[in-house]
C-alpha cells in the first residue's frame, strides 16, 4: 500500500507539473498541442492539458548581448585587419524566433561576421578608424533586414577592436612618427616666420620712429631758426627806426657826417699802416678840400651838440 501511495503521489505531482505552469517575467513560452503551435504564454500562471499540451520553446525576452569572435578582414587598400565586436538584439516575436530559424543567436553572429567583413572591405584602413560609427550603423541595418523574419530586432552593433597585422602596425608607427616630425617642422617654420615678421615690423617701426624724430628735430630747428631770424629782424628794424629817428632829430645829420668822417679816417689809417708802399691821392687839392670840409663839419657838429646841451 505504501508503494502504491508513493506512486500515486508521484503521478499526481507529475500531472500537476504538466498542468500548472508559472512563466517568469523575463521569459515567453511557446506551447504546442499535439505537435502543433497553440499559443505563447506570457508571464504569470497558466493551466495546460496534460499529455496534450507541452512547452516546446522558452524564449528570453530581455535584451541580449552576443560576442562576435575576431575574424580576419581585408580593407579596400588590401590591408589585413582583425575585427571583433558585440551585437545587441531582442526577441520581439517568440513564435517567429522559435519557428522562423533554428538558432537565431548563431545566425545573428554569423550574419554579423559576414556583414562586417563585407563592409570593412569597402573602406580603406584609415576610414575604418575614423568612420567607426558609420560602419556600426551600416552593419545594424544589414543585419536587421535579414533578422526581421526571425522575430528579433537588432538594436545596435559595436566594433570592439580593429587590429592590423604587426607589419602594418610598424608601418603605421613610422608613418605617424614622420607625420609628427613634419608637423614639428611646420610649427618651427611658422614660428621662425613669425619671428622674422616681428623683427621686420620692429625694425620698420624703429625706422619710422627715427624718421619721425628727425623730422620733428628739423621742424624744431627750422622753427627756432625762423624765430631767431624774426627776433633779429625785429631788433634790426627797431634799431633802424631808432637810428632814423635820431638822424631826423636836431643835429642828427651832423652827427652822422662826423661818424662817417671818423670811420673813414680810422679805415684810412689802417690801410696806410698796413701797406709797405705809400699811397697818395692823385688830386692833393681835392684831399685838402675834403679834410677842410670834414673839419668844418666836425666843428659844426660839436657846436650843435654844445648848443643842444645848453
Protein backbone atom coordinates (compact mmCIF):
# COMPACT_ATOMS: atom_id res chain seq x y z
CA UNK A 1 0.00 0.00 0.00
CA UNK A 2 2.88 2.41 0.75
CA UNK A 3 4.42 1.79 -2.59
CA UNK A 4 1.13 2.34 -4.40
CA UNK A 5 0.54 5.54 -2.45
CA UNK A 6 4.00 6.78 -3.31
CA UNK A 7 3.47 6.04 -6.97
CA UNK A 8 0.10 7.80 -6.83
CA UNK A 9 1.65 10.91 -5.24
CA UNK A 10 4.45 10.99 -7.75
CA UNK A 11 1.98 10.60 -10.60
CA UNK A 12 -0.16 13.38 -9.15
CA UNK A 13 2.86 15.69 -8.90
CA UNK A 14 3.85 14.84 -12.44
CA UNK A 15 0.39 15.66 -13.75
CA UNK A 16 0.32 18.88 -11.70
CA UNK A 17 3.67 19.93 -13.14
CA UNK A 18 2.31 19.40 -16.61
CA UNK A 19 -0.92 21.20 -15.82
CA UNK A 20 0.13 24.31 -13.89
CA UNK A 21 2.89 26.43 -15.45
CA UNK A 22 4.37 29.59 -13.97
CA UNK A 23 6.04 31.79 -16.57
CA UNK A 24 8.75 34.18 -15.17
CA UNK A 25 8.75 37.86 -16.13
CA UNK A 26 11.82 37.56 -18.35
CA UNK A 27 10.55 34.63 -20.44
CA UNK A 28 7.91 33.77 -23.02
CA UNK A 29 6.91 30.12 -23.55
CA UNK A 30 5.67 28.61 -26.80
CA UNK A 31 3.02 25.90 -26.26
CA UNK A 32 2.29 23.12 -28.75
CA UNK A 33 -0.79 20.89 -28.68
CA UNK A 34 -0.20 17.51 -30.23
CA UNK A 35 2.82 18.88 -32.08
CA UNK A 36 1.05 21.95 -33.45
CA UNK A 37 1.58 25.52 -32.31
CA UNK A 38 -1.15 26.55 -29.90
CA UNK A 39 -0.19 29.80 -28.13
CA UNK A 40 2.52 31.87 -26.48
CA UNK A 41 2.37 32.05 -22.69
CA UNK A 42 3.03 35.49 -21.18
CA UNK A 43 4.45 35.92 -17.64
CA UNK A 44 2.06 34.56 -14.99
CA UNK A 45 0.22 31.28 -14.06
CA UNK A 46 -1.24 29.15 -16.86
CA UNK A 47 -3.20 25.83 -17.00
CA UNK A 48 -2.32 23.24 -19.63
CA UNK A 49 -3.94 19.98 -20.63
CA UNK A 50 -1.60 17.20 -19.56
CA UNK A 51 -0.26 14.90 -22.24
CA UNK A 52 -1.82 17.12 -24.93
CA UNK A 53 -0.09 20.46 -24.36
CA UNK A 54 3.62 20.84 -23.90
CA UNK A 55 6.08 23.73 -23.68
CA UNK A 56 8.13 23.46 -26.84
CA UNK A 57 10.33 26.63 -26.58
CA UNK A 58 11.39 29.10 -23.96
CA UNK A 59 12.47 32.47 -25.33
CA UNK A 60 14.46 35.13 -23.47
CA UNK A 61 12.60 38.46 -23.78
CA UNK A 62 15.35 40.66 -22.36
CA UNK A 63 17.95 42.40 -24.48
CA UNK A 64 20.80 40.04 -25.23
CA UNK A 65 24.44 40.70 -25.98
CA UNK A 66 26.25 38.36 -28.36
CA UNK A 67 30.02 38.36 -28.69
CA UNK A 68 31.24 38.43 -32.30
CA UNK A 69 34.53 36.47 -32.47
CA UNK A 70 37.57 38.12 -34.03
CA UNK A 71 37.91 37.49 -37.73
CA UNK A 72 40.30 38.50 -40.49
CA UNK A 73 39.13 41.17 -42.94
CA UNK A 74 40.75 42.77 -45.97
CA UNK A 75 40.30 46.52 -46.35
CA UNK A 76 39.85 48.37 -49.61
CA UNK A 77 43.58 49.16 -49.74
CA UNK A 78 44.47 45.44 -49.30
CA UNK A 79 45.48 45.56 -45.64
CA UNK A 80 44.62 42.65 -43.37
CA UNK A 81 42.99 43.53 -40.05
CA UNK A 82 41.42 41.55 -37.21
CA UNK A 83 37.97 42.83 -36.24
CA UNK A 84 35.67 41.78 -33.42
CA UNK A 85 32.56 43.30 -31.88
CA UNK A 86 29.30 42.98 -29.98
CA UNK A 87 25.74 42.77 -31.27
CA UNK A 88 22.74 43.74 -29.13
CA UNK A 89 19.40 42.15 -30.03
CA UNK A 90 16.00 41.42 -28.54
CA UNK A 91 13.28 38.86 -29.27
CA UNK A 92 10.18 40.66 -30.50
CA UNK A 93 8.07 37.66 -31.64
CA UNK A 94 8.60 34.41 -29.67
CA UNK A 95 6.76 32.37 -32.30
CA UNK A 96 8.95 33.57 -35.17
CA UNK A 97 12.08 33.19 -33.03
CA UNK A 98 11.06 29.57 -32.38
CA UNK A 99 9.91 28.52 -35.83
CA UNK A 100 11.48 31.09 -38.17
CA UNK A 101 15.04 29.82 -37.68
CA UNK A 102 16.81 27.02 -35.84
CA UNK A 103 19.03 29.20 -33.60
CA UNK A 104 18.76 32.94 -34.04
CA UNK A 105 21.84 33.56 -31.84
CA UNK A 106 24.16 31.56 -34.07
CA UNK A 107 22.53 33.01 -37.16
CA UNK A 108 22.94 36.57 -35.84
CA UNK A 109 26.61 36.01 -35.05
CA UNK A 110 27.34 34.52 -38.47
CA UNK A 111 25.39 37.24 -40.26
CA UNK A 112 27.22 39.93 -38.27
CA UNK A 113 30.57 38.43 -39.23
CA UNK A 114 29.80 38.24 -42.95
CA UNK A 115 28.28 41.73 -42.98
CA UNK A 116 31.23 43.16 -41.08
CA UNK A 117 33.68 41.53 -43.49
CA UNK A 118 31.77 42.94 -46.44
CA UNK A 119 31.53 46.47 -45.05
CA UNK A 120 35.17 46.61 -43.95
CA UNK A 121 36.18 45.63 -47.49
CA UNK A 122 34.51 48.80 -48.78
CA UNK A 123 36.66 51.10 -46.64
CA UNK A 124 40.35 51.96 -46.51
CA UNK A 125 42.28 51.34 -43.31
CA UNK A 126 42.14 54.97 -42.21
CA UNK A 127 38.39 55.06 -42.80
CA UNK A 128 37.78 52.00 -40.61
CA UNK A 129 39.12 54.01 -37.66
CA UNK A 130 37.61 57.40 -38.48
CA UNK A 131 34.21 56.13 -39.65
CA UNK A 132 33.57 53.52 -36.99
CA UNK A 133 30.16 54.94 -36.06
CA UNK A 134 29.03 54.90 -39.68
CA UNK A 135 30.30 51.33 -40.04
CA UNK A 136 28.31 50.26 -36.97
CA UNK A 137 25.12 51.79 -38.32
CA UNK A 138 25.55 50.10 -41.71
CA UNK A 139 26.09 46.68 -40.13
CA UNK A 140 22.97 47.12 -37.94
CA UNK A 141 20.83 47.98 -40.97
CA UNK A 142 22.06 44.99 -42.95
CA UNK A 143 21.56 42.52 -40.07
CA UNK A 144 18.15 43.96 -39.22
CA UNK A 145 16.90 43.40 -42.75
CA UNK A 146 17.67 39.66 -42.62
CA UNK A 147 16.62 39.16 -38.98
CA UNK A 148 13.16 40.64 -39.41
CA UNK A 149 11.81 37.22 -40.45
CA UNK A 150 13.36 35.66 -37.35
CA UNK A 151 11.21 37.66 -34.93
CA UNK A 152 14.19 39.50 -33.44
CA UNK A 153 15.29 43.13 -33.52
CA UNK A 154 18.95 44.11 -33.79
CA UNK A 155 19.29 47.18 -31.57
CA UNK A 156 22.91 48.14 -32.18
CA UNK A 157 26.31 46.84 -33.16
CA UNK A 158 29.62 47.92 -31.65
CA UNK A 159 33.05 47.24 -33.09
CA UNK A 160 35.39 46.48 -30.20
CA UNK A 161 38.82 46.18 -31.79
CA UNK A 162 40.34 46.78 -35.21
CA UNK A 163 43.83 45.31 -35.11
CA UNK A 164 46.12 45.44 -38.16
CA UNK A 165 48.91 42.93 -38.63
CA UNK A 166 52.27 43.57 -36.85
CA UNK A 167 53.92 44.70 -40.09
CA UNK A 168 51.15 47.18 -40.78
CA UNK A 169 51.34 48.45 -37.19
CA UNK A 170 55.09 49.05 -37.60
CA UNK A 171 54.48 50.88 -40.86
CA UNK A 172 51.74 52.98 -39.29
CA UNK A 173 54.01 53.86 -36.38
CA UNK A 174 56.71 55.02 -38.80
CA UNK A 175 54.11 56.98 -40.75
CA UNK A 176 52.79 58.66 -37.59
CA UNK A 177 56.35 59.45 -36.50
CA UNK A 178 57.06 61.01 -39.89
CA UNK A 179 53.79 62.95 -39.65
CA UNK A 180 54.74 64.24 -36.19
CA UNK A 181 58.16 65.30 -37.46
CA UNK A 182 56.51 67.03 -40.39
CA UNK A 183 54.14 68.89 -38.09
CA UNK A 184 57.05 69.83 -35.82
CA UNK A 185 58.99 71.23 -38.79
CA UNK A 186 55.93 73.13 -39.97
CA UNK A 187 55.44 74.54 -36.48
CA UNK A 188 59.09 75.58 -36.28
CA UNK A 189 58.91 77.16 -39.74
CA UNK A 190 55.80 79.10 -38.76
CA UNK A 191 57.47 80.21 -35.53
CA UNK A 192 60.57 81.31 -37.46
CA UNK A 193 58.36 83.15 -39.94
CA UNK A 194 56.51 84.94 -37.17
CA UNK A 195 59.85 85.76 -35.52
CA UNK A 196 61.21 87.29 -38.73
CA UNK A 197 57.96 89.17 -39.30
CA UNK A 198 58.08 90.57 -35.78
CA UNK A 199 61.71 91.61 -36.24
CA UNK A 200 60.97 93.30 -39.58
CA UNK A 201 57.96 95.05 -38.11
CA UNK A 202 60.07 96.17 -35.15
CA UNK A 203 62.80 97.48 -37.47
CA UNK A 204 60.19 99.18 -39.62
CA UNK A 205 58.63 100.82 -36.59
CA UNK A 206 62.08 101.82 -35.34
CA UNK A 207 62.89 103.43 -38.70
CA UNK A 208 59.55 105.22 -38.67
CA UNK A 209 60.17 106.47 -35.14
CA UNK A 210 63.70 107.64 -36.03
CA UNK A 211 62.47 109.39 -39.17
CA UNK A 212 59.64 110.99 -37.22
CA UNK A 213 62.17 112.12 -34.62
CA UNK A 214 64.50 113.53 -37.30
CA UNK A 215 61.56 115.22 -38.94
CA UNK A 216 60.44 116.77 -35.68
CA UNK A 217 64.02 117.76 -34.92
CA UNK A 218 64.35 119.54 -38.28
CA UNK A 219 61.00 121.18 -37.75
CA UNK A 220 62.07 122.37 -34.32
CA UNK A 221 65.41 123.65 -35.67
CA UNK A 222 63.65 125.39 -38.53
CA UNK A 223 61.13 126.91 -36.18
CA UNK A 224 63.94 128.01 -33.84
CA UNK A 225 65.92 129.46 -36.76
CA UNK A 226 62.84 131.24 -38.03
CA UNK A 227 62.19 132.57 -34.55
CA UNK A 228 65.81 133.71 -34.29
CA UNK A 229 65.64 135.44 -37.67
CA UNK A 230 62.36 137.03 -36.70
CA UNK A 231 63.81 138.32 -33.43
CA UNK A 232 66.97 139.62 -35.19
CA UNK A 233 64.86 141.23 -37.88
CA UNK A 234 62.66 142.84 -35.26
CA UNK A 235 65.75 144.06 -33.37
CA UNK A 236 67.37 145.34 -36.57
CA UNK A 237 64.16 147.05 -37.60
CA UNK A 238 63.85 148.61 -34.18
CA UNK A 239 67.49 149.75 -34.31
CA UNK A 240 67.00 151.20 -37.78
CA UNK A 241 63.89 153.02 -36.62
CA UNK A 242 65.79 154.41 -33.64
CA UNK A 243 68.71 155.49 -35.86
CA UNK A 244 66.31 157.05 -38.34
CA UNK A 245 64.59 158.88 -35.52
CA UNK A 246 67.94 160.14 -34.21
CA UNK A 247 69.02 161.28 -37.69
CA UNK A 248 65.81 163.23 -38.22
CA UNK A 249 66.25 164.88 -34.82
CA UNK A 250 68.21 168.11 -34.13
CA UNK A 251 71.92 167.68 -35.02
CA UNK A 252 71.30 164.17 -36.29
CA UNK A 253 72.65 164.68 -39.76
CA UNK A 254 75.80 166.45 -38.50
CA UNK A 255 76.42 163.59 -36.10
CA UNK A 256 76.12 161.10 -38.96
CA UNK A 257 78.64 163.09 -41.03
CA UNK A 258 81.01 163.20 -38.10
CA UNK A 259 80.66 159.46 -37.55
CA UNK A 260 81.31 158.77 -41.22
CA UNK A 261 84.38 161.01 -41.11
CA UNK A 262 85.77 159.25 -38.07
CA UNK A 263 85.14 155.88 -39.68
CA UNK A 264 86.84 156.99 -42.90
CA UNK A 265 89.88 158.28 -41.06
CA UNK A 266 90.14 155.10 -38.98
CA UNK A 267 89.97 152.85 -42.02
CA UNK A 268 92.38 155.04 -43.97
CA UNK A 269 94.85 154.89 -41.09
CA UNK A 270 94.62 151.13 -41.01
CA UNK A 271 95.23 150.86 -44.75
CA UNK A 272 98.24 153.24 -44.65
CA UNK A 273 99.67 151.45 -41.64
CA UNK A 274 99.45 148.01 -43.20
CA UNK A 275 100.91 148.90 -46.61
CA UNK A 276 104.63 148.94 -47.40
CA UNK A 277 104.07 151.40 -50.25
CA UNK A 278 102.92 154.94 -49.56
CA UNK A 279 99.81 155.82 -51.40
CA UNK A 280 98.96 159.46 -52.07
CA UNK A 281 95.80 160.69 -53.64
CA UNK A 282 96.16 161.78 -57.23
CA UNK A 283 94.50 165.13 -56.56
CA UNK A 284 96.10 166.71 -53.42
CA UNK A 285 93.85 169.74 -53.71
CA UNK A 286 90.78 167.66 -53.57
CA UNK A 287 92.10 165.85 -50.47
CA UNK A 288 92.83 169.13 -48.80
CA UNK A 289 89.38 170.44 -49.50
CA UNK A 290 87.87 167.15 -48.28
CA UNK A 291 89.74 167.39 -44.99
CA UNK A 292 88.77 171.03 -44.55
CA UNK A 293 85.15 170.14 -45.22
CA UNK A 294 85.35 167.37 -42.70
CA UNK A 295 86.90 169.71 -40.14
CA UNK A 296 84.15 172.26 -40.67
CA UNK A 297 81.53 169.51 -40.36
CA UNK A 298 83.13 168.31 -37.17
CA UNK A 299 83.23 171.85 -35.73
CA UNK A 300 79.60 172.46 -36.63
CA UNK A 301 78.56 169.17 -35.09
CA UNK A 302 80.40 169.97 -31.89
CA UNK A 303 78.79 173.44 -31.75
CA UNK A 304 75.34 171.94 -32.37
CA UNK A 305 75.81 169.39 -29.62
CA UNK A 306 77.03 172.13 -27.23
CA UNK A 307 74.04 174.32 -28.09
CA UNK A 308 71.70 171.39 -27.59
CA UNK A 309 73.33 170.75 -24.19
CA UNK A 310 72.59 174.32 -23.09
